[in-house]
Amino acid sequence: QSLMGEVFGKDKGLLLVTPNSDLIENDIEDGQKFLSMGVVTGFKNPVVSHSTIENIKSRGLFTEKDCLDILSLTSHLQQRLVKAKKRP
């Protein structure tokens, strides 16, 4: 999660997903940062690092639809990352 906070964001991020030149683009930069941090904290960590898929499914924490939704969000973030540029 902390890596996402260092890489993205309107103020200090190493990568920019927009030209970061106005309030709208600032919001998108911070959105990329917070969504990326959230994906790691809320989805990747519980499934990969702290539990098993069987445990999470049996507890009703994630459904198959949740997994599809997470994949869609991850795809969106990945597309922005592919187009990102190093901060000047």
PDB file of N, CA and C in Angstrom:
ATOM      1  N   GLN A   1       0.821  -1.185   0.000  1.00  0.00           N
ATOM      2  CA  GLN A   1       0.000   0.000   0.000  1.00  0.00           C
ATOM      3  C   GLN A   1       0.869   1.253   0.000  1.00  0.00           C
ATOM      4  N   SER A   2       1.905   1.290   0.815  1.00  0.00           N
ATOM      5  CA  SER A   2       2.742   2.487   0.881  1.00  0.00           C
ATOM      6  C   SER A   2       3.437   2.752  -0.458  1.00  0.00           C
ATOM      7  N   LEU A   3       3.748   1.690  -1.194  1.00  0.00           N
ATOM      8  CA  LEU A   3       4.362   1.867  -2.510  1.00  0.00           C
ATOM      9  C   LEU A   3       3.428   2.640  -3.437  1.00  0.00           C
ATOM     10  N   MET A   4       2.142   2.325  -3.416  1.00  0.00           N
ATOM     11  CA  MET A   4       1.174   3.044  -4.250  1.00  0.00           C
ATOM     12  C   MET A   4       1.117   4.513  -3.854  1.00  0.00           C
ATOM     13  N   GLY A   5       1.223   4.790  -2.557  1.00  0.00           N
ATOM     14  CA  GLY A   5       1.218   6.163  -2.082  1.00  0.00           C
ATOM     15  C   GLY A   5       2.437   6.951  -2.541  1.00  0.00           C
ATOM     16  N   GLU A   6       3.546   6.267  -2.727  1.00  0.00           N
ATOM     17  CA  GLU A   6       4.760   6.932  -3.200  1.00  0.00           C
ATOM     18  C   GLU A   6       4.750   7.128  -4.716  1.00  0.00           C
ATOM     19  N   VAL A   7       4.163   6.208  -5.432  1.00  0.00           N
ATOM     20  CA  VAL A   7       4.204   6.242  -6.894  1.00  0.00           C
ATOM     21  C   VAL A   7       3.174   7.208  -7.469  1.00  0.00           C
ATOM     22  N   PHE A   8       1.994   7.295  -6.866  1.00  0.00           N
ATOM     23  CA  PHE A   8       0.913   8.107  -7.417  1.00  0.00           C
ATOM     24  C   PHE A   8       0.575   9.271  -6.494  1.00  0.00           C
ATOM     25  N   GLY A   9      -0.108  10.260  -7.048  1.00  0.00           N
ATOM     26  CA  GLY A   9      -0.602  11.397  -6.277  1.00  0.00           C
ATOM     27  C   GLY A   9      -0.195  12.719  -6.891  1.00  0.00           C
ATOM     28  N   LYS A  10      -1.032  13.729  -6.683  1.00  0.00           N
ATOM     29  CA  LYS A  10      -0.825  15.027  -7.325  1.00  0.00           C
ATOM     30  C   LYS A  10       0.395  15.761  -6.808  1.00  0.00           C
ATOM     31  N   ASP A  11       0.805  15.527  -5.568  1.00  0.00           N
ATOM     32  CA  ASP A  11       1.883  16.323  -4.983  1.00  0.00           C
ATOM     33  C   ASP A  11       3.271  15.721  -5.146  1.00  0.00           C
ATOM     34  N   LYS A  12       3.414  14.442  -4.816  1.00  0.00           N
ATOM     35  CA  LYS A  12       4.757  13.859  -4.802  1.00  0.00           C
ATOM     36  C   LYS A  12       4.890  12.579  -5.593  1.00  0.00           C
ATOM     37  N   GLY A  13       3.855  12.149  -6.249  1.00  0.00           N
ATOM     38  CA  GLY A  13       3.914  10.881  -6.968  1.00  0.00           C
ATOM     39  C   GLY A  13       5.020  10.852  -8.004  1.00  0.00           C
ATOM     40  N   LEU A  14       5.642   9.715  -8.174  1.00  0.00           N
ATOM     41  CA  LEU A  14       6.706   9.556  -9.157  1.00  0.00           C
ATOM     42  C   LEU A  14       6.163   9.484 -10.578  1.00  0.00           C
ATOM     43  N   LEU A  15       4.917   9.007 -10.715  1.00  0.00           N
ATOM     44  CA  LEU A  15       4.270   8.892 -12.021  1.00  0.00           C
ATOM     45  C   LEU A  15       3.033   9.775 -12.067  1.00  0.00           C
ATOM     46  N   LEU A  16       2.754  10.328 -13.231  1.00  0.00           N
ATOM     47  CA  LEU A  16       1.544  11.123 -13.435  1.00  0.00           C
ATOM     48  C   LEU A  16       0.692  10.448 -14.500  1.00  0.00           C
ATOM     49  N   VAL A  17      -0.602  10.337 -14.231  1.00  0.00           N
ATOM     50  CA  VAL A  17      -1.524   9.743 -15.190  1.00  0.00           C
ATOM     51  C   VAL A  17      -2.255  10.815 -15.998  1.00  0.00           C
ATOM     52  N   THR A  18      -2.057  12.082 -15.634  1.00  0.00           N
ATOM     53  CA  THR A  18      -2.593  13.239 -16.367  1.00  0.00           C
ATOM     54  C   THR A  18      -1.482  14.287 -16.433  1.00  0.00           C
ATOM     55  N   PRO A  19      -1.712  15.379 -17.159  1.00  0.00           N
ATOM     56  CA  PRO A  19      -0.735  16.470 -17.105  1.00  0.00           C
ATOM     57  C   PRO A  19      -0.671  17.153 -15.731  1.00  0.00           C
ATOM     58  N   ASN A  20      -1.654  16.897 -14.864  1.00  0.00           N
ATOM     59  CA  ASN A  20      -1.658  17.414 -13.489  1.00  0.00           C
ATOM     60  C   ASN A  20      -1.615  18.940 -13.474  1.00  0.00           C
ATOM     61  N   SER A  21      -2.412  19.565 -14.349  1.00  0.00           N
ATOM     62  CA  SER A  21      -2.321  21.009 -14.509  1.00  0.00           C
ATOM     63  C   SER A  21      -3.490  21.806 -13.933  1.00  0.00           C
ATOM     64  N   ASP A  22      -4.542  21.133 -13.485  1.00  0.00           N
ATOM     65  CA  ASP A  22      -5.665  21.857 -12.892  1.00  0.00           C
ATOM     66  C   ASP A  22      -6.340  20.979 -11.839  1.00  0.00           C
ATOM     67  N   LEU A  23      -7.383  21.510 -11.227  1.00  0.00           N
ATOM     68  CA  LEU A  23      -8.057  20.815 -10.131  1.00  0.00           C
ATOM     69  C   LEU A  23      -8.626  19.460 -10.561  1.00  0.00           C
ATOM     70  N   ILE A  24      -9.197  19.387 -11.753  1.00  0.00           N
ATOM     71  CA  ILE A  24      -9.757  18.116 -12.236  1.00  0.00           C
ATOM     72  C   ILE A  24      -8.654  17.059 -12.348  1.00  0.00           C
ATOM     73  N   GLU A  25      -7.545  17.428 -12.948  1.00  0.00           N
ATOM     74  CA  GLU A  25      -6.437  16.485 -13.108  1.00  0.00           C
ATOM     75  C   GLU A  25      -5.797  16.149 -11.764  1.00  0.00           C
ATOM     76  N   ASN A  26      -5.753  17.117 -10.840  1.00  0.00           N
ATOM     77  CA  ASN A  26      -5.264  16.835  -9.485  1.00  0.00           C
ATOM     78  C   ASN A  26      -6.118  15.764  -8.819  1.00  0.00           C
ATOM     79  N   ASP A  27      -7.448  15.894  -8.978  1.00  0.00           N
ATOM     80  CA  ASP A  27      -8.364  14.911  -8.394  1.00  0.00           C
ATOM     81  C   ASP A  27      -8.133  13.525  -8.990  1.00  0.00           C
ATOM     82  N   ILE A  28      -7.908  13.460 -10.307  1.00  0.00           N
ATOM     83  CA  ILE A  28      -7.660  12.166 -10.958  1.00  0.00           C
ATOM     84  C   ILE A  28      -6.352  11.568 -10.441  1.00  0.00           C
ATOM     85  N   GLU A  29      -5.327  12.397 -10.267  1.00  0.00           N
ATOM     86  CA  GLU A  29      -4.041  11.911  -9.736  1.00  0.00           C
ATOM     87  C   GLU A  29      -4.229  11.314  -8.345  1.00  0.00           C
ATOM     88  N   ASP A  30      -4.920  12.045  -7.462  1.00  0.00           N
ATOM     89  CA  ASP A  30      -5.135  11.515  -6.116  1.00  0.00           C
ATOM     90  C   ASP A  30      -6.075  10.312  -6.139  1.00  0.00           C
ATOM     91  N   GLY A  31      -7.049  10.314  -7.052  1.00  0.00           N
ATOM     92  CA  GLY A  31      -7.936   9.155  -7.185  1.00  0.00           C
ATOM     93  C   GLY A  31      -7.168   7.907  -7.564  1.00  0.00           C
ATOM     94  N   GLN A  32      -6.232   8.046  -8.502  1.00  0.00           N
ATOM     95  CA  GLN A  32      -5.387   6.906  -8.887  1.00  0.00           C
ATOM     96  C   GLN A  32      -4.637   6.383  -7.664  1.00  0.00           C
ATOM     97  N   LYS A  33      -4.096   7.302  -6.889  1.00  0.00           N
ATOM     98  CA  LYS A  33      -3.337   6.911  -5.695  1.00  0.00           C
ATOM     99  C   LYS A  33      -4.231   6.165  -4.695  1.00  0.00           C
ATOM    100  N   PHE A  34      -5.360   6.772  -4.345  1.00  0.00           N
ATOM    101  CA  PHE A  34      -6.199   6.179  -3.304  1.00  0.00           C
ATOM    102  C   PHE A  34      -6.884   4.893  -3.767  1.00  0.00           C
ATOM    103  N   LEU A  35      -7.307   4.838  -5.032  1.00  0.00           N
ATOM    104  CA  LEU A  35      -7.890   3.592  -5.535  1.00  0.00           C
ATOM    105  C   LEU A  35      -6.841   2.476  -5.562  1.00  0.00           C
ATOM    106  N   SER A  36      -5.626   2.809  -5.989  1.00  0.00           N
ATOM    107  CA  SER A  36      -4.553   1.805  -6.021  1.00  0.00           C
ATOM    108  C   SER A  36      -4.225   1.319  -4.620  1.00  0.00           C
ATOM    109  N   MET A  37      -4.147   2.250  -3.669  1.00  0.00           N
ATOM    110  CA  MET A  37      -3.878   1.865  -2.285  1.00  0.00           C
ATOM    111  C   MET A  37      -5.016   0.990  -1.745  1.00  0.00           C
ATOM    112  N   GLY A  38      -6.249   1.350  -2.096  1.00  0.00           N
ATOM    113  CA  GLY A  38      -7.403   0.589  -1.628  1.00  0.00           C
ATOM    114  C   GLY A  38      -7.453  -0.818  -2.189  1.00  0.00           C
ATOM    115  N   VAL A  39      -7.098  -0.972  -3.461  1.00  0.00           N
ATOM    116  CA  VAL A  39      -7.088  -2.308  -4.073  1.00  0.00           C
ATOM    117  C   VAL A  39      -6.095  -3.200  -3.337  1.00  0.00           C
ATOM    118  N   VAL A  40      -4.921  -2.660  -3.032  1.00  0.00           N
ATOM    119  CA  VAL A  40      -3.916  -3.450  -2.325  1.00  0.00           C
ATOM    120  C   VAL A  40      -4.399  -3.793  -0.918  1.00  0.00           C
ATOM    121  N   THR A  41      -4.895  -2.797  -0.192  1.00  0.00           N
ATOM    122  CA  THR A  41      -5.303  -3.010   1.195  1.00  0.00           C
ATOM    123  C   THR A  41      -6.562  -3.859   1.314  1.00  0.00           C
ATOM    124  N   GLY A  42      -7.565  -3.556   0.502  1.00  0.00           N
ATOM    125  CA  GLY A  42      -8.863  -4.188   0.666  1.00  0.00           C
ATOM    126  C   GLY A  42      -9.063  -5.487  -0.060  1.00  0.00           C
ATOM    127  N   PHE A  43      -8.242  -5.749  -1.076  1.00  0.00           N
ATOM    128  CA  PHE A  43      -8.457  -6.948  -1.868  1.00  0.00           C
ATOM    129  C   PHE A  43      -7.225  -7.836  -1.949  1.00  0.00           C
ATOM    130  N   LYS A  44      -6.115  -7.283  -2.364  1.00  0.00           N
ATOM    131  CA  LYS A  44      -4.908  -8.103  -2.533  1.00  0.00           C
ATOM    132  C   LYS A  44      -4.427  -8.657  -1.196  1.00  0.00           C
ATOM    133  N   ASN A  45      -4.281  -7.797  -0.189  1.00  0.00           N
ATOM    134  CA  ASN A  45      -3.747  -8.260   1.098  1.00  0.00           C
ATOM    135  C   ASN A  45      -4.603  -9.354   1.742  1.00  0.00           C
ATOM    136  N   PRO A  46      -5.932  -9.180   1.862  1.00  0.00           N
ATOM    137  CA  PRO A  46      -6.716 -10.240   2.491  1.00  0.00           C
ATOM    138  C   PRO A  46      -6.663 -11.569   1.739  1.00  0.00           C
ATOM    139  N   VAL A  47      -6.698 -11.506   0.410  1.00  0.00           N
ATOM    140  CA  VAL A  47      -6.772 -12.736  -0.378  1.00  0.00           C
ATOM    141  C   VAL A  47      -5.416 -13.415  -0.498  1.00  0.00           C
ATOM    142  N   VAL A  48      -4.363 -12.652  -0.743  1.00  0.00           N
ATOM    143  CA  VAL A  48      -3.058 -13.242  -1.019  1.00  0.00           C
ATOM    144  C   VAL A  48      -2.216 -13.390   0.244  1.00  0.00           C
ATOM    145  N   SER A  49      -2.290 -12.427   1.149  1.00  0.00           N
ATOM    146  CA  SER A  49      -1.362 -12.414   2.271  1.00  0.00           C
ATOM    147  C   SER A  49      -1.950 -12.907   3.593  1.00  0.00           C
ATOM    148  N   HIS A  50      -3.241 -12.708   3.808  1.00  0.00           N
ATOM    149  CA  HIS A  50      -3.771 -12.924   5.151  1.00  0.00           C
ATOM    150  C   HIS A  50      -4.820 -14.014   5.280  1.00  0.00           C
ATOM    151  N   SER A  51      -5.184 -14.658   4.192  1.00  0.00           N
ATOM    152  CA  SER A  51      -6.227 -15.674   4.277  1.00  0.00           C
ATOM    153  C   SER A  51      -6.162 -16.575   3.050  1.00  0.00           C
ATOM    154  N   THR A  52      -7.145 -17.441   2.956  1.00  0.00           N
ATOM    155  CA  THR A  52      -7.288 -18.263   1.761  1.00  0.00           C
ATOM    156  C   THR A  52      -8.587 -17.868   1.068  1.00  0.00           C
ATOM    157  N   ILE A  53      -8.675 -18.176  -0.203  1.00  0.00           N
ATOM    158  CA  ILE A  53      -9.893 -17.860  -0.946  1.00  0.00           C
ATOM    159  C   ILE A  53     -11.082 -18.613  -0.350  1.00  0.00           C
ATOM    160  N   GLU A  54     -10.865 -19.865   0.033  1.00  0.00           N
ATOM    161  CA  GLU A  54     -11.949 -20.660   0.616  1.00  0.00           C
ATOM    162  C   GLU A  54     -12.478 -20.004   1.891  1.00  0.00           C
ATOM    163  N   ASN A  55     -11.578 -19.529   2.742  1.00  0.00           N
ATOM    164  CA  ASN A  55     -11.974 -18.874   3.987  1.00  0.00           C
ATOM    165  C   ASN A  55     -12.765 -17.607   3.698  1.00  0.00           C
ATOM    166  N   ILE A  56     -12.291 -16.801   2.772  1.00  0.00           N
ATOM    167  CA  ILE A  56     -12.963 -15.544   2.455  1.00  0.00           C
ATOM    168  C   ILE A  56     -14.336 -15.793   1.841  1.00  0.00           C
ATOM    169  N   LYS A  57     -14.432 -16.776   0.926  1.00  0.00           N
ATOM    170  CA  LYS A  57     -15.722 -17.092   0.315  1.00  0.00           C
ATOM    171  C   LYS A  57     -16.688 -17.673   1.340  1.00  0.00           C
ATOM    172  N   SER A  58     -16.226 -18.571   2.200  1.00  0.00           N
ATOM    173  CA  SER A  58     -17.120 -19.189   3.180  1.00  0.00           C
ATOM    174  C   SER A  58     -17.645 -18.178   4.192  1.00  0.00           C
ATOM    175  N   ARG A  59     -16.900 -17.122   4.435  1.00  0.00           N
ATOM    176  CA  ARG A  59     -17.337 -16.072   5.362  1.00  0.00           C
ATOM    177  C   ARG A  59     -18.208 -15.030   4.677  1.00  0.00           C
ATOM    178  N   GLY A  60     -18.363 -15.149   3.370  1.00  0.00           N
ATOM    179  CA  GLY A  60     -19.186 -14.209   2.630  1.00  0.00           C
ATOM    180  C   GLY A  60     -18.546 -12.837   2.445  1.00  0.00           C
ATOM    181  N   LEU A  61     -17.219 -12.764   2.569  1.00  0.00           N
ATOM    182  CA  LEU A  61     -16.531 -11.485   2.451  1.00  0.00           C
ATOM    183  C   LEU A  61     -16.382 -11.039   1.002  1.00  0.00           C
ATOM    184  N   PHE A  62     -16.195 -11.988   0.086  1.00  0.00           N
ATOM    185  CA  PHE A  62     -16.122 -11.698  -1.341  1.00  0.00           C
ATOM    186  C   PHE A  62     -16.932 -12.740  -2.088  1.00  0.00           C
ATOM    187  N   THR A  63     -17.720 -12.269  -3.044  1.00  0.00           N
ATOM    188  CA  THR A  63     -18.452 -13.167  -3.932  1.00  0.00           C
ATOM    189  C   THR A  63     -17.714 -13.209  -5.274  1.00  0.00           C
ATOM    190  N   GLU A  64     -18.189 -14.066  -6.156  1.00  0.00           N
ATOM    191  CA  GLU A  64     -17.598 -14.097  -7.495  1.00  0.00           C
ATOM    192  C   GLU A  64     -17.839 -12.776  -8.219  1.00  0.00           C
ATOM    193  N   LYS A  65     -18.987 -12.138  -7.988  1.00  0.00           N
ATOM    194  CA  LYS A  65     -19.249 -10.821  -8.582  1.00  0.00           C
ATOM    195  C   LYS A  65     -18.262  -9.796  -8.043  1.00  0.00           C
ATOM    196  N   ASP A  66     -17.973  -9.846  -6.742  1.00  0.00           N
ATOM    197  CA  ASP A  66     -16.964  -8.936  -6.185  1.00  0.00           C
ATOM    198  C   ASP A  66     -15.642  -9.084  -6.921  1.00  0.00           C
ATOM    199  N   CYS A  67     -15.260 -10.306  -7.179  1.00  0.00           N
ATOM    200  CA  CYS A  67     -13.992 -10.557  -7.879  1.00  0.00           C
ATOM    201  C   CYS A  67     -14.015  -9.964  -9.285  1.00  0.00           C
ATOM    202  N   LEU A  68     -15.145 -10.081  -9.988  1.00  0.00           N
ATOM    203  CA  LEU A  68     -15.263  -9.471 -11.313  1.00  0.00           C
ATOM    204  C   LEU A  68     -15.189  -7.950 -11.237  1.00  0.00           C
ATOM    205  N   ASP A  69     -15.844  -7.384 -10.225  1.00  0.00           N
ATOM    206  CA  ASP A  69     -15.791  -5.932 -10.037  1.00  0.00           C
ATOM    207  C   ASP A  69     -14.366  -5.463  -9.753  1.00  0.00           C
ATOM    208  N   ILE A  70     -13.652  -6.203  -8.931  1.00  0.00           N
ATOM    209  CA  ILE A  70     -12.272  -5.860  -8.602  1.00  0.00           C
ATOM    210  C   ILE A  70     -11.394  -5.953  -9.850  1.00  0.00           C
ATOM    211  N   LEU A  71     -11.620  -6.970 -10.669  1.00  0.00           N
ATOM    212  CA  LEU A  71     -10.870  -7.096 -11.918  1.00  0.00           C
ATOM    213  C   LEU A  71     -11.121  -5.902 -12.837  1.00  0.00           C
ATOM    214  N   SER A  72     -12.356  -5.437 -12.897  1.00  0.00           N
ATOM    215  CA  SER A  72     -12.683  -4.284 -13.717  1.00  0.00           C
ATOM    216  C   SER A  72     -11.950  -3.039 -13.216  1.00  0.00           C
ATOM    217  N   LEU A  73     -11.977  -2.810 -11.916  1.00  0.00           N
ATOM    218  CA  LEU A  73     -11.264  -1.670 -11.334  1.00  0.00           C
ATOM    219  C   LEU A  73      -9.762  -1.789 -11.582  1.00  0.00           C
ATOM    220  N   THR A  74      -9.225  -2.971 -11.403  1.00  0.00           N
ATOM    221  CA  THR A  74      -7.793  -3.193 -11.629  1.00  0.00           C
ATOM    222  C   THR A  74      -7.434  -2.928 -13.087  1.00  0.00           C
ATOM    223  N   SER A  75      -8.286  -3.331 -14.010  1.00  0.00           N
ATOM    224  CA  SER A  75      -8.049  -3.077 -15.420  1.00  0.00           C
ATOM    225  C   SER A  75      -8.012  -1.576 -15.698  1.00  0.00           C
ATOM    226  N   HIS A  76      -8.932  -0.837 -15.124  1.00  0.00           N
ATOM    227  CA  HIS A  76      -8.963   0.624 -15.285  1.00  0.00           C
ATOM    228  C   HIS A  76      -7.672   1.252 -14.765  1.00  0.00           C
ATOM    229  N   LEU A  77      -7.259   0.871 -13.575  1.00  0.00           N
ATOM    230  CA  LEU A  77      -6.037   1.423 -12.986  1.00  0.00           C
ATOM    231  C   LEU A  77      -4.811   1.038 -13.809  1.00  0.00           C
ATOM    232  N   GLN A  78      -4.802  -0.177 -14.324  1.00  0.00           N
ATOM    233  CA  GLN A  78      -3.689  -0.644 -15.153  1.00  0.00           C
ATOM    234  C   GLN A  78      -3.578   0.169 -16.435  1.00  0.00           C
ATOM    235  N   GLN A  79      -4.706   0.469 -17.062  1.00  0.00           N
ATOM    236  CA  GLN A  79      -4.677   1.267 -18.290  1.00  0.00           C
ATOM    237  C   GLN A  79      -4.114   2.662 -18.041  1.00  0.00           C
ATOM    238  N   ARG A  80      -4.471   3.262 -16.916  1.00  0.00           N
ATOM    239  CA  ARG A  80      -3.892   4.564 -16.568  1.00  0.00           C
ATOM    240  C   ARG A  80      -2.392   4.427 -16.324  1.00  0.00           C
ATOM    241  N   LEU A  81      -1.989   3.353 -15.684  1.00  0.00           N
ATOM    242  CA  LEU A  81      -0.572   3.125 -15.398  1.00  0.00           C
ATOM    243  C   LEU A  81       0.216   2.977 -16.691  1.00  0.00           C
ATOM    244  N   VAL A  82      -0.329   2.246 -17.661  1.00  0.00           N
ATOM    245  CA  VAL A  82       0.358   2.042 -18.935  1.00  0.00           C
ATOM    246  C   VAL A  82       0.614   3.389 -19.620  1.00  0.00           C
ATOM    247  N   LYS A  83      -0.304   4.322 -19.473  1.00  0.00           N
ATOM    248  CA  LYS A  83      -0.177   5.627 -20.128  1.00  0.00           C
ATOM    249  C   LYS A  83       0.551   6.658 -19.263  1.00  0.00           C
ATOM    250  N   ALA A  84       0.886   6.304 -18.030  1.00  0.00           N
ATOM    251  CA  ALA A  84       1.519   7.270 -17.105  1.00  0.00           C
ATOM    252  C   ALA A  84       2.901   7.684 -17.599  1.00  0.00           C
ATOM    253  N   LYS A  85       3.282   8.878 -17.134  1.00  0.00           N
ATOM    254  CA  LYS A  85       4.612   9.409 -17.470  1.00  0.00           C
ATOM    255  C   LYS A  85       5.345   9.763 -16.179  1.00  0.00           C
ATOM    256  N   LYS A  86       6.664   9.689 -16.227  1.00  0.00           N
ATOM    257  CA  LYS A  86       7.466  10.090 -15.079  1.00  0.00           C
ATOM    258  C   LYS A  86       7.268  11.572 -14.797  1.00  0.00           C
ATOM    259  N   ARG A  87       7.215  11.900 -13.530  1.00  0.00           N
ATOM    260  CA  ARG A  87       7.104  13.308 -13.143  1.00  0.00           C
ATOM    261  C   ARG A  87       8.367  14.033 -13.594  1.00  0.00           C
ATOM    262  N   PRO A  88       8.186  15.234 -14.191  1.00  0.00           N
ATOM    263  CA  PRO A  88       9.385  15.963 -14.656  1.00  0.00           C
ATOM    264  C   PRO A  88      10.282  16.412 -13.502  1.00  0.00           C
TER     265      PRO A  88
END
